[in-house]
Amino acid sequence: DETWHLQFARSWQNPVEQCSYNVAAVFAEPGNMNPVLFTKKTPSAAFT
């Protein structure tokens, strides 16, 4: 059971726009990343 920190971003060029999963001025700043705990113990659920 361990927590990783992830950030996702998308840059469009026409027209220009940058977006990210978490609010961030600097995408690589660790404090702006989202914690994700990977574990063997959690049940699976999905919103479709």
All heavy atoms as atom14 arrays in JSON, in Angstrom:
{
  "sequence": "DETWHLQFARSWQNPVEQCSYNVAAVFAEPGNMNPVLFTKKTPSAAFT",
  "atom14_mask": [
    [1, 1, 1, 1, 1, 1, 1, 1, 0, 0, 0, 0, 0, 0],
    [1, 1, 1, 1, 1, 1, 1, 1, 1, 0, 0, 0, 0, 0],
    [1, 1, 1, 1, 1, 1, 1, 0, 0, 0, 0, 0, 0, 0],
    [1, 1, 1, 1, 1, 1, 1, 1, 1, 1, 1, 1, 1, 1],
    [1, 1, 1, 1, 1, 1, 1, 1, 1, 1, 0, 0, 0, 0],
    [1, 1, 1, 1, 1, 1, 1, 1, 0, 0, 0, 0, 0, 0],
    [1, 1, 1, 1, 1, 1, 1, 1, 1, 0, 0, 0, 0, 0],
    [1, 1, 1, 1, 1, 1, 1, 1, 1, 1, 1, 0, 0, 0],
    [1, 1, 1, 1, 1, 0, 0, 0, 0, 0, 0, 0, 0, 0],
    [1, 1, 1, 1, 1, 1, 1, 1, 1, 1, 1, 0, 0, 0],
    [1, 1, 1, 1, 1, 1, 0, 0, 0, 0, 0, 0, 0, 0],
    [1, 1, 1, 1, 1, 1, 1, 1, 1, 1, 1, 1, 1, 1],
    [1, 1, 1, 1, 1, 1, 1, 1, 1, 0, 0, 0, 0, 0],
    [1, 1, 1, 1, 1, 1, 1, 1, 0, 0, 0, 0, 0, 0],
    [1, 1, 1, 1, 1, 1, 1, 0, 0, 0, 0, 0, 0, 0],
    [1, 1, 1, 1, 1, 1, 1, 0, 0, 0, 0, 0, 0, 0],
    [1, 1, 1, 1, 1, 1, 1, 1, 1, 0, 0, 0, 0, 0],
    [1, 1, 1, 1, 1, 1, 1, 1, 1, 0, 0, 0, 0, 0],
    [1, 1, 1, 1, 1, 1, 0, 0, 0, 0, 0, 0, 0, 0],
    [1, 1, 1, 1, 1, 1, 0, 0, 0, 0, 0, 0, 0, 0],
    [1, 1, 1, 1, 1, 1, 1, 1, 1, 1, 1, 1, 0, 0],
    [1, 1, 1, 1, 1, 1, 1, 1, 0, 0, 0, 0, 0, 0],
    [1, 1, 1, 1, 1, 1, 1, 0, 0, 0, 0, 0, 0, 0],
    [1, 1, 1, 1, 1, 0, 0, 0, 0, 0, 0, 0, 0, 0],
    [1, 1, 1, 1, 1, 0, 0, 0, 0, 0, 0, 0, 0, 0],
    [1, 1, 1, 1, 1, 1, 1, 0, 0, 0, 0, 0, 0, 0],
    [1, 1, 1, 1, 1, 1, 1, 1, 1, 1, 1, 0, 0, 0],
    [1, 1, 1, 1, 1, 0, 0, 0, 0, 0, 0, 0, 0, 0],
    [1, 1, 1, 1, 1, 1, 1, 1, 1, 0, 0, 0, 0, 0],
    [1, 1, 1, 1, 1, 1, 1, 0, 0, 0, 0, 0, 0, 0],
    [1, 1, 1, 1, 0, 0, 0, 0, 0, 0, 0, 0, 0, 0],
    [1, 1, 1, 1, 1, 1, 1, 1, 0, 0, 0, 0, 0, 0],
    [1, 1, 1, 1, 1, 1, 1, 1, 0, 0, 0, 0, 0, 0],
    [1, 1, 1, 1, 1, 1, 1, 1, 0, 0, 0, 0, 0, 0],
    [1, 1, 1, 1, 1, 1, 1, 0, 0, 0, 0, 0, 0, 0],
    [1, 1, 1, 1, 1, 1, 1, 0, 0, 0, 0, 0, 0, 0],
    [1, 1, 1, 1, 1, 1, 1, 1, 0, 0, 0, 0, 0, 0],
    [1, 1, 1, 1, 1, 1, 1, 1, 1, 1, 1, 0, 0, 0],
    [1, 1, 1, 1, 1, 1, 1, 0, 0, 0, 0, 0, 0, 0],
    [1, 1, 1, 1, 1, 1, 1, 1, 1, 0, 0, 0, 0, 0],
    [1, 1, 1, 1, 1, 1, 1, 1, 1, 0, 0, 0, 0, 0],
    [1, 1, 1, 1, 1, 1, 1, 0, 0, 0, 0, 0, 0, 0],
    [1, 1, 1, 1, 1, 1, 1, 0, 0, 0, 0, 0, 0, 0],
    [1, 1, 1, 1, 1, 1, 0, 0, 0, 0, 0, 0, 0, 0],
    [1, 1, 1, 1, 1, 0, 0, 0, 0, 0, 0, 0, 0, 0],
    [1, 1, 1, 1, 1, 0, 0, 0, 0, 0, 0, 0, 0, 0],
    [1, 1, 1, 1, 1, 1, 1, 1, 1, 1, 1, 0, 0, 0],
    [1, 1, 1, 1, 1, 1, 1, 0, 0, 0, 0, 0, 0, 0]
  ],
  "atom14_positions": [
    [[0.85, -1.19, 0.0], [0.0, 0.0, 0.0], [0.88, 1.24, 0.0], [1.6, 1.51, 0.98], [-0.89, 0.02, 1.25], [-1.95, -1.08, 1.23], [-2.01, -1.83, 0.25], [-2.72, -1.18, 2.2], [0.0, 0.0, 0.0], [0.0, 0.0, 0.0], [0.0, 0.0, 0.0], [0.0, 0.0, 0.0], [0.0, 0.0, 0.0], [0.0, 0.0, 0.0]],
    [[0.85, 2.0, -1.1], [1.73, 3.16, -1.21], [1.06, 4.28, -2.0], [0.29, 4.02, -2.93], [3.05, 2.78, -1.89], [3.9, 1.85, -1.02], [5.2, 1.47, -1.66], [5.17, 1.1, -2.86], [6.25, 1.54, -0.99], [0.0, 0.0, 0.0], [0.0, 0.0, 0.0], [0.0, 0.0, 0.0], [0.0, 0.0, 0.0], [0.0, 0.0, 0.0]],
    [[1.36, 5.51, -1.63], [0.77, 6.68, -2.26], [1.73, 7.32, -3.24], [2.84, 7.71, -2.88], [0.33, 7.71, -1.21], [-0.65, 7.11, -0.33], [-0.26, 8.94, -1.89], [0.0, 0.0, 0.0], [0.0, 0.0, 0.0], [0.0, 0.0, 0.0], [0.0, 0.0, 0.0], [0.0, 0.0, 0.0], [0.0, 0.0, 0.0], [0.0, 0.0, 0.0]],
    [[1.3, 7.4, -4.48], [2.02, 8.11, -5.52], [1.34, 9.47, -5.73], [0.17, 9.66, -5.36], [1.97, 7.32, -6.84], [2.72, 6.02, -6.78], [2.42, 4.91, -6.04], [3.92, 5.71, -7.51], [3.35, 3.92, -6.26], [4.27, 4.38, -7.15], [4.7, 6.4, -8.41], [5.4, 3.74, -7.68], [5.81, 5.77, -8.96], [6.16, 4.45, -8.58]],
    [[2.06, 10.42, -6.33], [1.48, 11.72, -6.64], [1.57, 11.94, -8.15], [2.64, 11.76, -8.74], [2.18, 12.84, -5.88], [1.84, 12.85, -4.42], [2.41, 11.96, -3.52], [0.97, 13.61, -3.71], [1.91, 12.2, -2.31], [1.04, 13.18, -2.41], [0.0, 0.0, 0.0], [0.0, 0.0, 0.0], [0.0, 0.0, 0.0], [0.0, 0.0, 0.0]],
    [[0.42, 12.3, -8.74], [0.31, 12.38, -10.2], [-0.28, 13.72, -10.62], [-1.12, 14.29, -9.93], [-0.59, 11.27, -10.73], [-0.27, 9.83, -10.31], [-1.34, 8.88, -10.85], [1.11, 9.41, -10.8], [0.0, 0.0, 0.0], [0.0, 0.0, 0.0], [0.0, 0.0, 0.0], [0.0, 0.0, 0.0], [0.0, 0.0, 0.0], [0.0, 0.0, 0.0]],
    [[0.17, 14.2, -11.76], [-0.44, 15.36, -12.42], [-0.59, 15.02, -13.9], [0.28, 14.36, -14.49], [0.42, 16.61, -12.25], [-0.08, 17.85, -12.97], [-1.35, 18.43, -12.38], [-2.43, 17.88, -12.6], [-1.22, 19.53, -11.65], [0.0, 0.0, 0.0], [0.0, 0.0, 0.0], [0.0, 0.0, 0.0], [0.0, 0.0, 0.0], [0.0, 0.0, 0.0]],
    [[-1.69, 15.44, -14.47], [-1.97, 15.25, -15.88], [-2.22, 16.63, -16.49], [-2.86, 17.48, -15.88], [-3.22, 14.4, -16.09], [-3.17, 13.04, -15.45], [-3.46, 12.87, -14.11], [-2.85, 11.92, -16.2], [-3.43, 11.62, -13.51], [-2.83, 10.66, -15.62], [-3.11, 10.51, -14.27], [0.0, 0.0, 0.0], [0.0, 0.0, 0.0], [0.0, 0.0, 0.0]],
    [[-1.73, 16.85, -17.71], [-1.95, 18.14, -18.37], [-2.15, 17.93, -19.87], [-1.66, 16.95, -20.45], [-0.78, 19.08, -18.12], [0.0, 0.0, 0.0], [0.0, 0.0, 0.0], [0.0, 0.0, 0.0], [0.0, 0.0, 0.0], [0.0, 0.0, 0.0], [0.0, 0.0, 0.0], [0.0, 0.0, 0.0], [0.0, 0.0, 0.0], [0.0, 0.0, 0.0]],
    [[-2.88, 18.87, -20.46], [-3.13, 18.84, -21.9], [-2.95, 20.24, -22.45], [-3.48, 21.21, -21.9], [-4.56, 18.35, -22.17], [-5.05, 18.52, -23.61], [-4.35, 17.57, -24.57], [-5.1, 17.39, -25.82], [-4.88, 18.06, -26.93], [-3.93, 19.0, -26.98], [-5.6, 17.82, -28.02], [0.0, 0.0, 0.0], [0.0, 0.0, 0.0], [0.0, 0.0, 0.0]],
    [[-2.17, 20.37, -23.51], [-1.99, 21.65, -24.18], [-2.54, 21.57, -25.59], [-2.11, 20.72, -26.39], [-0.5, 22.03, -24.22], [-0.02, 22.34, -22.93], [0.0, 0.0, 0.0], [0.0, 0.0, 0.0], [0.0, 0.0, 0.0], [0.0, 0.0, 0.0], [0.0, 0.0, 0.0], [0.0, 0.0, 0.0], [0.0, 0.0, 0.0], [0.0, 0.0, 0.0]],
    [[-3.52, 22.43, -25.87], [-4.05, 22.59, -27.22], [-3.32, 23.76, -27.89], [-2.98, 24.75, -27.23], [-5.55, 22.91, -27.18], [-6.45, 21.75, -26.9], [-7.04, 20.93, -27.82], [-6.91, 21.29, -25.62], [-7.83, 19.99, -27.18], [-7.77, 20.19, -25.84], [-6.68, 21.7, -24.3], [-8.4, 19.5, -24.8], [-7.3, 21.01, -23.27], [-8.14, 19.93, -23.51]],
    [[-3.11, 23.67, -29.19], [-2.41, 24.74, -29.91], [-3.31, 25.56, -30.82], [-2.91, 26.64, -31.27], [-1.25, 24.13, -30.72], [-0.2, 23.43, -29.88], [0.49, 24.35, -28.88], [0.49, 25.58, -29.02], [1.06, 23.78, -27.83], [0.0, 0.0, 0.0], [0.0, 0.0, 0.0], [0.0, 0.0, 0.0], [0.0, 0.0, 0.0], [0.0, 0.0, 0.0]],
    [[-4.5, 25.05, -31.13], [-5.42, 25.78, -32.01], [-6.84, 25.73, -31.48], [-7.55, 24.76, -31.74], [-5.38, 25.18, -33.42], [-4.08, 25.45, -34.14], [-3.73, 26.58, -34.37], [-3.36, 24.38, -34.5], [0.0, 0.0, 0.0], [0.0, 0.0, 0.0], [0.0, 0.0, 0.0], [0.0, 0.0, 0.0], [0.0, 0.0, 0.0], [0.0, 0.0, 0.0]],
    [[-7.3, 26.76, -30.75], [-6.51, 27.87, -30.21], [-5.71, 27.41, -29.0], [-5.96, 26.35, -28.43], [-7.57, 28.9, -29.81], [-8.77, 28.07, -29.48], [-8.74, 26.91, -30.44], [0.0, 0.0, 0.0], [0.0, 0.0, 0.0], [0.0, 0.0, 0.0], [0.0, 0.0, 0.0], [0.0, 0.0, 0.0], [0.0, 0.0, 0.0], [0.0, 0.0, 0.0]],
    [[-4.72, 28.23, -28.59], [-3.81, 27.86, -27.52], [-4.53, 27.83, -26.17], [-5.23, 28.78, -25.81], [-2.62, 28.83, -27.45], [-1.77, 28.55, -26.23], [-1.8, 28.73, -28.72], [0.0, 0.0, 0.0], [0.0, 0.0, 0.0], [0.0, 0.0, 0.0], [0.0, 0.0, 0.0], [0.0, 0.0, 0.0], [0.0, 0.0, 0.0], [0.0, 0.0, 0.0]],
    [[-4.36, 26.74, -25.45], [-4.89, 26.62, -24.09], [-4.15, 25.5, -23.36], [-3.91, 24.43, -23.94], [-6.38, 26.31, -24.09], [-6.97, 26.26, -22.69], [-8.44, 25.88, -22.66], [-8.92, 25.28, -23.65], [-9.11, 26.15, -21.65], [0.0, 0.0, 0.0], [0.0, 0.0, 0.0], [0.0, 0.0, 0.0], [0.0, 0.0, 0.0], [0.0, 0.0, 0.0]],
    [[-3.78, 25.76, -22.12], [-3.2, 24.73, -21.25], [-4.21, 24.37, -20.17], [-4.87, 25.25, -19.6], [-1.92, 25.23, -20.58], [-0.7, 25.23, -21.47], [0.55, 25.56, -20.68], [0.64, 26.59, -20.04], [1.52, 24.66, -20.72], [0.0, 0.0, 0.0], [0.0, 0.0, 0.0], [0.0, 0.0, 0.0], [0.0, 0.0, 0.0], [0.0, 0.0, 0.0]],
    [[-4.3, 23.09, -19.89], [-5.21, 22.59, -18.85], [-4.49, 21.55, -18.02], [-3.53, 20.92, -18.46], [-6.45, 21.97, -19.47], [-7.44, 23.1, -20.44], [0.0, 0.0, 0.0], [0.0, 0.0, 0.0], [0.0, 0.0, 0.0], [0.0, 0.0, 0.0], [0.0, 0.0, 0.0], [0.0, 0.0, 0.0], [0.0, 0.0, 0.0], [0.0, 0.0, 0.0]],
    [[-4.98, 21.36, -16.8], [-4.4, 20.33, -15.93], [-5.49, 19.69, -15.08], [-6.6, 20.22, -14.95], [-3.31, 20.93, -15.03], [-3.84, 21.95, -14.21], [0.0, 0.0, 0.0], [0.0, 0.0, 0.0], [0.0, 0.0, 0.0], [0.0, 0.0, 0.0], [0.0, 0.0, 0.0], [0.0, 0.0, 0.0], [0.0, 0.0, 0.0], [0.0, 0.0, 0.0]],
    [[-5.14, 18.55, -14.51], [-6.08, 17.83, -13.66], [-6.27, 18.56, -12.33], [-7.39, 18.76, -11.87], [-5.57, 16.41, -13.43], [-6.36, 15.65, -12.4], [-7.69, 15.3, -12.64], [-5.81, 15.28, -11.18], [-8.43, 14.61, -11.7], [-6.54, 14.59, -10.23], [-7.85, 14.26, -10.5], [-8.58, 13.6, -9.55], [0.0, 0.0, 0.0], [0.0, 0.0, 0.0]],
    [[-5.18, 18.97, -11.71], [-5.21, 19.75, -10.48], [-4.86, 21.2, -10.78], [-4.08, 21.46, -11.71], [-4.22, 19.22, -9.44], [-4.79, 18.07, -8.64], [-5.89, 17.59, -8.9], [-4.04, 17.61, -7.66], [0.0, 0.0, 0.0], [0.0, 0.0, 0.0], [0.0, 0.0, 0.0], [0.0, 0.0, 0.0], [0.0, 0.0, 0.0], [0.0, 0.0, 0.0]],
    [[-5.4, 22.14, -10.02], [-5.03, 23.55, -10.19], [-3.52, 23.69, -10.02], [-2.95, 23.21, -9.04], [-5.74, 24.43, -9.14], [-5.28, 25.89, -9.28], [-7.25, 24.34, -9.31], [0.0, 0.0, 0.0], [0.0, 0.0, 0.0], [0.0, 0.0, 0.0], [0.0, 0.0, 0.0], [0.0, 0.0, 0.0], [0.0, 0.0, 0.0], [0.0, 0.0, 0.0]],
    [[-2.87, 24.35, -10.98], [-1.41, 24.45, -10.92], [-0.91, 25.57, -11.81], [-1.31, 25.67, -12.97], [-0.76, 23.14, -11.33], [0.0, 0.0, 0.0], [0.0, 0.0, 0.0], [0.0, 0.0, 0.0], [0.0, 0.0, 0.0], [0.0, 0.0, 0.0], [0.0, 0.0, 0.0], [0.0, 0.0, 0.0], [0.0, 0.0, 0.0], [0.0, 0.0, 0.0]],
    [[-0.02, 26.4, -11.27], [0.73, 27.34, -12.09], [1.97, 26.66, -12.65], [2.43, 26.98, -13.74], [1.13, 28.57, -11.27], [0.0, 0.0, 0.0], [0.0, 0.0, 0.0], [0.0, 0.0, 0.0], [0.0, 0.0, 0.0], [0.0, 0.0, 0.0], [0.0, 0.0, 0.0], [0.0, 0.0, 0.0], [0.0, 0.0, 0.0], [0.0, 0.0, 0.0]],
    [[2.52, 25.7, -11.88], [3.67, 24.91, -12.29], [3.27, 23.44, -12.2], [3.08, 22.92, -11.1], [4.9, 25.19, -11.39], [6.08, 24.34, -11.84], [5.26, 26.67, -11.43], [0.0, 0.0, 0.0], [0.0, 0.0, 0.0], [0.0, 0.0, 0.0], [0.0, 0.0, 0.0], [0.0, 0.0, 0.0], [0.0, 0.0, 0.0], [0.0, 0.0, 0.0]],
    [[3.13, 22.78, -13.34], [2.63, 21.41, -13.34], [3.54, 20.46, -12.57], [3.09, 19.5, -11.96], [2.47, 20.9, -14.78], [1.44, 21.64, -15.58], [1.54, 21.7, -16.96], [0.38, 22.29, -14.97], [0.59, 22.37, -17.73], [-0.58, 22.97, -15.72], [-0.46, 23.01, -17.1], [0.0, 0.0, 0.0], [0.0, 0.0, 0.0], [0.0, 0.0, 0.0]],
    [[4.85, 20.71, -12.6], [5.81, 19.81, -11.96], [6.0, 20.07, -10.47], [6.77, 19.37, -9.82], [7.17, 19.9, -12.66], [0.0, 0.0, 0.0], [0.0, 0.0, 0.0], [0.0, 0.0, 0.0], [0.0, 0.0, 0.0], [0.0, 0.0, 0.0], [0.0, 0.0, 0.0], [0.0, 0.0, 0.0], [0.0, 0.0, 0.0], [0.0, 0.0, 0.0]],
    [[5.31, 21.05, -9.92], [5.43, 21.33, -8.5], [4.74, 20.22, -7.7], [3.53, 19.97, -7.87], [4.79, 22.68, -8.17], [4.8, 23.03, -6.7], [6.21, 23.04, -6.11], [7.12, 23.6, -6.76], [6.4, 22.46, -5.02], [0.0, 0.0, 0.0], [0.0, 0.0, 0.0], [0.0, 0.0, 0.0], [0.0, 0.0, 0.0], [0.0, 0.0, 0.0]],
    [[5.48, 19.51, -6.84], [4.92, 18.36, -6.12], [3.65, 18.7, -5.33], [2.72, 17.89, -5.24], [6.05, 17.93, -5.19], [7.29, 18.41, -5.87], [6.91, 19.7, -6.55], [0.0, 0.0, 0.0], [0.0, 0.0, 0.0], [0.0, 0.0, 0.0], [0.0, 0.0, 0.0], [0.0, 0.0, 0.0], [0.0, 0.0, 0.0], [0.0, 0.0, 0.0]],
    [[3.59, 19.9, -4.76], [2.42, 20.27, -3.97], [1.14, 20.4, -4.77], [0.05, 20.45, -4.2], [0.0, 0.0, 0.0], [0.0, 0.0, 0.0], [0.0, 0.0, 0.0], [0.0, 0.0, 0.0], [0.0, 0.0, 0.0], [0.0, 0.0, 0.0], [0.0, 0.0, 0.0], [0.0, 0.0, 0.0], [0.0, 0.0, 0.0], [0.0, 0.0, 0.0]],
    [[1.26, 20.47, -6.1], [0.08, 20.59, -6.96], [-0.41, 19.24, -7.47], [-1.4, 19.19, -8.21], [0.41, 21.48, -8.17], [0.72, 22.91, -7.79], [0.21, 23.41, -6.79], [1.55, 23.57, -8.58], [0.0, 0.0, 0.0], [0.0, 0.0, 0.0], [0.0, 0.0, 0.0], [0.0, 0.0, 0.0], [0.0, 0.0, 0.0], [0.0, 0.0, 0.0]],
    [[0.27, 18.18, -7.11], [-0.07, 16.87, -7.65], [-1.14, 16.17, -6.82], [-1.35, 16.48, -5.65], [1.19, 15.99, -7.74], [2.2, 16.51, -8.73], [3.59, 15.37, -8.91], [4.55, 16.25, -10.14], [0.0, 0.0, 0.0], [0.0, 0.0, 0.0], [0.0, 0.0, 0.0], [0.0, 0.0, 0.0], [0.0, 0.0, 0.0], [0.0, 0.0, 0.0]],
    [[-1.81, 15.22, -7.45], [-2.91, 14.5, -6.8], [-2.4, 13.2, -6.19], [-1.75, 12.41, -6.86], [-3.99, 14.16, -7.84], [-5.23, 13.59, -7.19], [-5.96, 14.3, -6.51], [-5.49, 12.31, -7.41], [0.0, 0.0, 0.0], [0.0, 0.0, 0.0], [0.0, 0.0, 0.0], [0.0, 0.0, 0.0], [0.0, 0.0, 0.0], [0.0, 0.0, 0.0]],
    [[-2.67, 12.96, -4.87], [-2.25, 11.7, -4.26], [-3.14, 10.55, -4.72], [-4.37, 10.67, -4.75], [-2.41, 11.96, -2.76], [-3.47, 13.01, -2.68], [-3.31, 13.86, -3.91], [0.0, 0.0, 0.0], [0.0, 0.0, 0.0], [0.0, 0.0, 0.0], [0.0, 0.0, 0.0], [0.0, 0.0, 0.0], [0.0, 0.0, 0.0], [0.0, 0.0, 0.0]],
    [[-2.52, 9.44, -5.08], [-3.26, 8.24, -5.47], [-2.68, 7.07, -4.67], [-1.51, 6.72, -4.83], [-3.15, 7.95, -6.97], [-3.9, 6.66, -7.32], [-3.71, 9.12, -7.78], [0.0, 0.0, 0.0], [0.0, 0.0, 0.0], [0.0, 0.0, 0.0], [0.0, 0.0, 0.0], [0.0, 0.0, 0.0], [0.0, 0.0, 0.0], [0.0, 0.0, 0.0]],
    [[-3.49, 6.48, -3.81], [-3.07, 5.33, -3.02], [-3.37, 4.06, -3.78], [-4.53, 3.74, -4.06], [-3.79, 5.32, -1.67], [-3.59, 4.06, -0.8], [-2.12, 3.89, -0.42], [-4.47, 4.12, 0.44], [0.0, 0.0, 0.0], [0.0, 0.0, 0.0], [0.0, 0.0, 0.0], [0.0, 0.0, 0.0], [0.0, 0.0, 0.0], [0.0, 0.0, 0.0]],
    [[-2.33, 3.33, -4.14], [-2.49, 2.01, -4.74], [-2.47, 0.97, -3.63], [-1.58, 0.98, -2.78], [-1.37, 1.74, -5.75], [-1.47, 2.56, -7.01], [-0.66, 3.67, -7.19], [-2.4, 2.25, -7.99], [-0.74, 4.44, -8.34], [-2.49, 3.01, -9.15], [-1.66, 4.11, -9.32], [0.0, 0.0, 0.0], [0.0, 0.0, 0.0], [0.0, 0.0, 0.0]],
    [[-3.46, 0.08, -3.64], [-3.61, -0.89, -2.56], [-4.24, -2.17, -3.1], [-4.88, -2.18, -4.16], [-4.49, -0.31, -1.43], [-4.69, -1.3, -0.42], [-5.85, 0.14, -1.96], [0.0, 0.0, 0.0], [0.0, 0.0, 0.0], [0.0, 0.0, 0.0], [0.0, 0.0, 0.0], [0.0, 0.0, 0.0], [0.0, 0.0, 0.0], [0.0, 0.0, 0.0]],
    [[-4.08, -3.25, -2.35], [-4.73, -4.51, -2.71], [-6.07, -4.68, -2.0], [-6.79, -5.64, -2.24], [-3.81, -5.68, -2.33], [-2.53, -5.74, -3.13], [-1.71, -6.97, -2.79], [-1.12, -6.88, -1.38], [-0.22, -8.01, -1.08], [0.0, 0.0, 0.0], [0.0, 0.0, 0.0], [0.0, 0.0, 0.0], [0.0, 0.0, 0.0], [0.0, 0.0, 0.0]],
    [[-6.43, -3.73, -1.14], [-7.55, -3.94, -0.22], [-8.86, -3.28, -0.63], [-9.89, -3.52, -0.03], [-7.16, -3.4, 1.17], [-5.95, -4.08, 1.77], [-5.57, -3.45, 3.1], [-4.33, -4.1, 3.69], [-3.92, -3.47, 4.96], [0.0, 0.0, 0.0], [0.0, 0.0, 0.0], [0.0, 0.0, 0.0], [0.0, 0.0, 0.0], [0.0, 0.0, 0.0]],
    [[-8.84, -2.41, -1.62], [-10.05, -1.65, -1.92], [-10.96, -2.38, -2.9], [-10.48, -3.04, -3.83], [-9.67, -0.27, -2.51], [-10.86, 0.49, -2.69], [-8.96, -0.4, -3.84], [0.0, 0.0, 0.0], [0.0, 0.0, 0.0], [0.0, 0.0, 0.0], [0.0, 0.0, 0.0], [0.0, 0.0, 0.0], [0.0, 0.0, 0.0], [0.0, 0.0, 0.0]],
    [[-12.27, -2.3, -2.71], [-13.19, -2.85, -3.71], [-13.2, -1.97, -4.95], [-12.79, -0.81, -4.91], [-14.56, -2.8, -3.0], [-14.41, -1.67, -2.01], [-12.97, -1.71, -1.56], [0.0, 0.0, 0.0], [0.0, 0.0, 0.0], [0.0, 0.0, 0.0], [0.0, 0.0, 0.0], [0.0, 0.0, 0.0], [0.0, 0.0, 0.0], [0.0, 0.0, 0.0]],
    [[-13.66, -2.52, -6.04], [-13.74, -1.78, -7.3], [-15.13, -1.21, -7.51], [-16.13, -1.86, -7.27], [-13.38, -2.7, -8.48], [-12.04, -3.12, -8.38], [0.0, 0.0, 0.0], [0.0, 0.0, 0.0], [0.0, 0.0, 0.0], [0.0, 0.0, 0.0], [0.0, 0.0, 0.0], [0.0, 0.0, 0.0], [0.0, 0.0, 0.0], [0.0, 0.0, 0.0]],
    [[-15.17, 0.06, -7.97], [-16.44, 0.71, -8.3], [-16.19, 1.61, -9.48], [-15.08, 2.09, -9.71], [-16.95, 1.51, -7.11], [0.0, 0.0, 0.0], [0.0, 0.0, 0.0], [0.0, 0.0, 0.0], [0.0, 0.0, 0.0], [0.0, 0.0, 0.0], [0.0, 0.0, 0.0], [0.0, 0.0, 0.0], [0.0, 0.0, 0.0], [0.0, 0.0, 0.0]],
    [[-17.25, 1.89, -10.23], [-17.1, 2.74, -11.41], [-18.37, 3.53, -11.65], [-19.48, 3.05, -11.39], [-16.79, 1.89, -12.65], [0.0, 0.0, 0.0], [0.0, 0.0, 0.0], [0.0, 0.0, 0.0], [0.0, 0.0, 0.0], [0.0, 0.0, 0.0], [0.0, 0.0, 0.0], [0.0, 0.0, 0.0], [0.0, 0.0, 0.0], [0.0, 0.0, 0.0]],
    [[-18.23, 4.76, -12.13], [-19.34, 5.6, -12.55], [-19.33, 5.63, -14.07], [-18.34, 6.04, -14.68], [-19.16, 7.02, -11.99], [-20.18, 8.0, -12.51], [-21.49, 7.95, -12.07], [-19.82, 8.96, -13.44], [-22.44, 8.84, -12.55], [-20.75, 9.87, -13.92], [-22.07, 9.81, -13.48], [0.0, 0.0, 0.0], [0.0, 0.0, 0.0], [0.0, 0.0, 0.0]],
    [[-20.41, 5.19, -14.68], [-20.43, 5.05, -16.14], [-21.27, 6.1, -16.83], [-21.37, 6.12, -18.05], [-20.95, 3.65, -16.53], [-22.26, 3.46, -15.96], [-20.02, 2.56, -16.01], [0.0, 0.0, 0.0], [0.0, 0.0, 0.0], [0.0, 0.0, 0.0], [0.0, 0.0, 0.0], [0.0, 0.0, 0.0], [0.0, 0.0, 0.0], [0.0, 0.0, 0.0]]
  ]
}
